[in-house]
């Protein structure tokens, strides 16, 4: 599942796009989102983009950090489980 539809016009070099795409696919697979609503995918993409903007270029680490943040939000309670990372 490509991340490009969720970039909202943001531009990245080819290597960063590769990292974003791999990390996005890893997170989506780990969360088993499948055909989930695009809002869920957008929230995941936003988190991955945020992490990549810190300079991380290892898709495995971006994935791990995104999953950690998502799980912390989910365990914090129902008010924060909407995956609204902004």
N, C-alpha and C. Protein backbone atom coordinates (compact mmCIF):
# COMPACT_ATOMS: atom_id res chain seq x y z
N UNK A 1 0.85 -1.16 0.00
CA UNK A 1 0.00 0.00 0.00
C UNK A 1 0.91 1.24 0.00
N UNK A 2 0.82 2.05 -1.03
CA UNK A 2 1.72 3.20 -1.14
C UNK A 2 1.35 4.35 -0.19
N UNK A 3 2.37 5.10 0.20
CA UNK A 3 2.15 6.24 1.09
C UNK A 3 1.86 7.51 0.31
N UNK A 4 2.19 7.55 -0.97
CA UNK A 4 2.06 8.78 -1.76
C UNK A 4 0.70 9.47 -1.65
N UNK A 5 -0.42 8.74 -1.66
CA UNK A 5 -1.71 9.44 -1.55
C UNK A 5 -1.90 10.20 -0.24
N UNK A 6 -1.05 9.93 0.74
CA UNK A 6 -1.20 10.52 2.06
C UNK A 6 -0.14 11.58 2.37
N UNK A 7 0.61 12.00 1.37
CA UNK A 7 1.68 12.98 1.58
C UNK A 7 1.17 14.42 1.59
N UNK A 8 -0.06 14.65 1.14
CA UNK A 8 -0.67 15.98 1.16
C UNK A 8 0.21 17.05 0.52
N UNK A 9 0.80 16.71 -0.61
CA UNK A 9 1.61 17.68 -1.35
C UNK A 9 3.02 17.87 -0.84
N UNK A 10 3.37 17.22 0.25
CA UNK A 10 4.74 17.33 0.76
C UNK A 10 5.68 16.62 -0.20
N UNK A 11 6.84 17.19 -0.39
CA UNK A 11 7.82 16.62 -1.31
C UNK A 11 9.03 16.09 -0.55
N UNK A 12 9.50 14.93 -1.02
CA UNK A 12 10.65 14.28 -0.41
C UNK A 12 11.53 13.73 -1.52
N UNK A 13 12.82 13.58 -1.22
CA UNK A 13 13.71 12.97 -2.20
C UNK A 13 13.37 11.48 -2.32
N UNK A 14 13.93 10.85 -3.36
CA UNK A 14 13.59 9.45 -3.65
C UNK A 14 13.89 8.51 -2.49
N UNK A 15 15.01 8.70 -1.82
CA UNK A 15 15.38 7.81 -0.72
C UNK A 15 14.43 7.98 0.46
N UNK A 16 14.07 9.21 0.75
CA UNK A 16 13.12 9.45 1.85
C UNK A 16 11.76 8.85 1.51
N UNK A 17 11.33 8.98 0.26
CA UNK A 17 10.07 8.36 -0.16
C UNK A 17 10.11 6.85 0.02
N UNK A 18 11.25 6.25 -0.28
CA UNK A 18 11.40 4.81 -0.10
C UNK A 18 11.26 4.45 1.37
N UNK A 19 11.94 5.19 2.24
CA UNK A 19 11.88 4.95 3.68
C UNK A 19 10.45 5.13 4.19
N UNK A 20 9.80 6.21 3.78
CA UNK A 20 8.43 6.46 4.19
C UNK A 20 7.51 5.33 3.75
N UNK A 21 7.68 4.90 2.51
CA UNK A 21 6.83 3.85 1.97
C UNK A 21 7.00 2.52 2.69
N UNK A 22 8.26 2.15 2.93
CA UNK A 22 8.52 0.88 3.62
C UNK A 22 7.98 0.94 5.05
N UNK A 23 8.26 2.04 5.75
CA UNK A 23 7.78 2.17 7.12
C UNK A 23 6.25 2.15 7.18
N UNK A 24 5.61 2.82 6.23
CA UNK A 24 4.14 2.85 6.17
C UNK A 24 3.59 1.44 6.00
N UNK A 25 4.15 0.70 5.08
CA UNK A 25 3.69 -0.67 4.85
C UNK A 25 3.92 -1.55 6.07
N UNK A 26 5.06 -1.37 6.74
CA UNK A 26 5.34 -2.16 7.94
C UNK A 26 4.34 -1.87 9.06
N UNK A 27 4.06 -0.59 9.28
CA UNK A 27 3.10 -0.22 10.33
C UNK A 27 1.70 -0.73 9.99
N UNK A 28 1.29 -0.54 8.75
CA UNK A 28 -0.04 -1.01 8.34
C UNK A 28 -0.16 -2.53 8.51
N UNK A 29 0.90 -3.26 8.16
CA UNK A 29 0.87 -4.71 8.33
C UNK A 29 0.84 -5.09 9.81
N UNK A 30 1.64 -4.41 10.62
CA UNK A 30 1.70 -4.72 12.04
C UNK A 30 0.36 -4.46 12.73
N UNK A 31 -0.33 -3.42 12.28
CA UNK A 31 -1.62 -3.08 12.87
C UNK A 31 -2.79 -3.78 12.18
N UNK A 32 -2.46 -4.50 11.13
CA UNK A 32 -3.47 -5.23 10.36
C UNK A 32 -4.64 -4.34 9.96
N UNK A 33 -4.30 -3.18 9.39
CA UNK A 33 -5.37 -2.25 9.05
C UNK A 33 -6.08 -2.60 7.75
N UNK A 34 -5.42 -3.35 6.87
CA UNK A 34 -6.06 -3.80 5.64
C UNK A 34 -6.78 -2.70 4.91
N UNK A 35 -8.09 -2.85 4.78
CA UNK A 35 -8.90 -1.89 4.04
C UNK A 35 -9.53 -0.84 4.95
N UNK A 36 -8.85 -0.50 6.02
CA UNK A 36 -9.37 0.50 6.95
C UNK A 36 -9.61 1.83 6.26
N UNK A 37 -10.36 2.65 6.93
CA UNK A 37 -10.68 3.99 6.45
C UNK A 37 -9.39 4.77 6.16
N UNK A 38 -9.46 5.63 5.15
CA UNK A 38 -8.30 6.44 4.79
C UNK A 38 -7.88 7.37 5.92
N UNK A 39 -8.80 7.73 6.82
CA UNK A 39 -8.42 8.58 7.95
C UNK A 39 -7.40 7.88 8.84
N UNK A 40 -7.56 6.59 9.01
CA UNK A 40 -6.61 5.80 9.81
C UNK A 40 -5.26 5.78 9.10
N UNK A 41 -5.28 5.53 7.81
CA UNK A 41 -4.04 5.50 7.04
C UNK A 41 -3.36 6.87 7.03
N UNK A 42 -4.16 7.93 6.95
CA UNK A 42 -3.60 9.28 6.97
C UNK A 42 -2.92 9.57 8.29
N UNK A 43 -3.54 9.16 9.39
CA UNK A 43 -2.94 9.36 10.71
C UNK A 43 -1.62 8.61 10.83
N UNK A 44 -1.58 7.40 10.32
CA UNK A 44 -0.33 6.62 10.34
C UNK A 44 0.73 7.31 9.48
N UNK A 45 0.34 7.74 8.30
CA UNK A 45 1.28 8.43 7.41
C UNK A 45 1.81 9.70 8.07
N UNK A 46 0.94 10.46 8.72
CA UNK A 46 1.37 11.68 9.41
C UNK A 46 2.42 11.38 10.46
N UNK A 47 2.21 10.32 11.23
CA UNK A 47 3.18 9.95 12.27
C UNK A 47 4.51 9.56 11.64
N UNK A 48 4.48 8.79 10.57
CA UNK A 48 5.70 8.35 9.90
C UNK A 48 6.44 9.55 9.32
N UNK A 49 5.72 10.47 8.70
CA UNK A 49 6.34 11.67 8.14
C UNK A 49 6.99 12.50 9.25
N UNK A 50 6.28 12.65 10.35
CA UNK A 50 6.80 13.39 11.50
C UNK A 50 8.13 12.77 11.98
N UNK A 51 8.15 11.47 12.10
CA UNK A 51 9.37 10.79 12.56
C UNK A 51 10.50 10.91 11.54
N UNK A 52 10.17 10.80 10.26
CA UNK A 52 11.21 10.91 9.23
C UNK A 52 11.78 12.31 9.17
N UNK A 53 10.98 13.31 9.50
CA UNK A 53 11.47 14.69 9.48
C UNK A 53 12.50 14.95 10.57
N UNK A 54 12.59 14.05 11.54
CA UNK A 54 13.62 14.18 12.58
C UNK A 54 14.97 13.72 12.06
N UNK A 55 14.98 13.13 10.85
CA UNK A 55 16.23 12.70 10.25
C UNK A 55 16.43 11.19 10.21
N UNK A 56 15.53 10.44 10.83
CA UNK A 56 15.66 8.99 10.83
C UNK A 56 15.42 8.46 9.42
N UNK A 57 16.33 7.59 8.95
CA UNK A 57 16.22 7.05 7.60
C UNK A 57 16.22 5.52 7.58
N UNK A 58 16.05 4.91 8.74
CA UNK A 58 15.94 3.46 8.82
C UNK A 58 14.46 3.13 8.94
N UNK A 59 13.87 2.51 7.90
CA UNK A 59 12.43 2.26 7.95
C UNK A 59 12.00 1.37 9.12
N UNK A 60 12.87 0.47 9.54
CA UNK A 60 12.54 -0.38 10.69
C UNK A 60 12.41 0.44 11.97
N UNK A 61 13.33 1.39 12.15
CA UNK A 61 13.26 2.24 13.34
C UNK A 61 12.08 3.20 13.28
N UNK A 62 11.80 3.74 12.09
CA UNK A 62 10.63 4.61 11.94
C UNK A 62 9.37 3.82 12.29
N UNK A 63 9.28 2.60 11.79
CA UNK A 63 8.14 1.73 12.08
C UNK A 63 8.02 1.48 13.58
N UNK A 64 9.12 1.09 14.22
CA UNK A 64 9.09 0.80 15.66
C UNK A 64 8.63 2.00 16.46
N UNK A 65 9.16 3.17 16.11
CA UNK A 65 8.79 4.38 16.85
C UNK A 65 7.32 4.76 16.62
N UNK A 66 6.86 4.61 15.39
CA UNK A 66 5.46 4.90 15.09
C UNK A 66 4.54 3.96 15.87
N UNK A 67 4.88 2.67 15.87
CA UNK A 67 4.07 1.70 16.60
C UNK A 67 4.07 1.99 18.09
N UNK A 68 5.21 2.38 18.62
CA UNK A 68 5.31 2.71 20.04
C UNK A 68 4.39 3.88 20.37
N UNK A 69 4.43 4.92 19.54
CA UNK A 69 3.58 6.09 19.78
C UNK A 69 2.11 5.72 19.67
N UNK A 70 1.76 4.93 18.67
CA UNK A 70 0.36 4.53 18.47
C UNK A 70 -0.12 3.70 19.66
N UNK A 71 0.72 2.79 20.11
CA UNK A 71 0.32 1.94 21.24
C UNK A 71 0.19 2.75 22.52
N UNK A 72 1.04 3.76 22.70
CA UNK A 72 0.92 4.62 23.88
C UNK A 72 -0.39 5.39 23.85
N UNK A 73 -0.76 5.89 22.67
CA UNK A 73 -2.03 6.60 22.54
C UNK A 73 -3.20 5.67 22.82
N UNK A 74 -3.12 4.45 22.29
CA UNK A 74 -4.21 3.49 22.48
C UNK A 74 -4.36 3.09 23.94
N UNK A 75 -3.25 2.98 24.65
CA UNK A 75 -3.32 2.56 26.05
C UNK A 75 -3.68 3.73 26.98
N UNK A 76 -3.63 4.94 26.46
CA UNK A 76 -3.95 6.12 27.28
C UNK A 76 -5.44 6.25 27.53
N UNK A 77 -6.24 5.63 26.69
CA UNK A 77 -7.67 5.68 26.93
C UNK A 77 -8.45 5.99 25.66
N UNK A 78 -9.76 5.85 25.74
CA UNK A 78 -10.62 6.00 24.57
C UNK A 78 -10.57 7.37 23.93
N UNK A 79 -10.33 8.40 24.68
CA UNK A 79 -10.33 9.75 24.12
C UNK A 79 -9.18 9.97 23.15
N UNK A 80 -8.13 9.14 23.23
CA UNK A 80 -6.96 9.36 22.37
C UNK A 80 -6.76 8.24 21.36
N UNK A 81 -7.69 7.33 21.24
CA UNK A 81 -7.47 6.20 20.35
C UNK A 81 -7.90 6.45 18.91
N UNK A 82 -8.22 7.67 18.58
CA UNK A 82 -8.64 7.97 17.22
C UNK A 82 -7.46 8.12 16.27
N UNK A 83 -6.25 7.95 16.71
CA UNK A 83 -5.04 8.07 15.91
C UNK A 83 -4.88 9.45 15.32
N UNK A 84 -5.30 10.47 16.04
CA UNK A 84 -5.14 11.84 15.58
C UNK A 84 -3.81 12.35 16.13
N UNK A 85 -2.76 12.23 15.34
CA UNK A 85 -1.41 12.52 15.80
C UNK A 85 -1.03 13.99 15.69
N UNK A 86 -1.85 14.79 15.09
CA UNK A 86 -1.47 16.20 14.92
C UNK A 86 -1.85 17.03 16.10
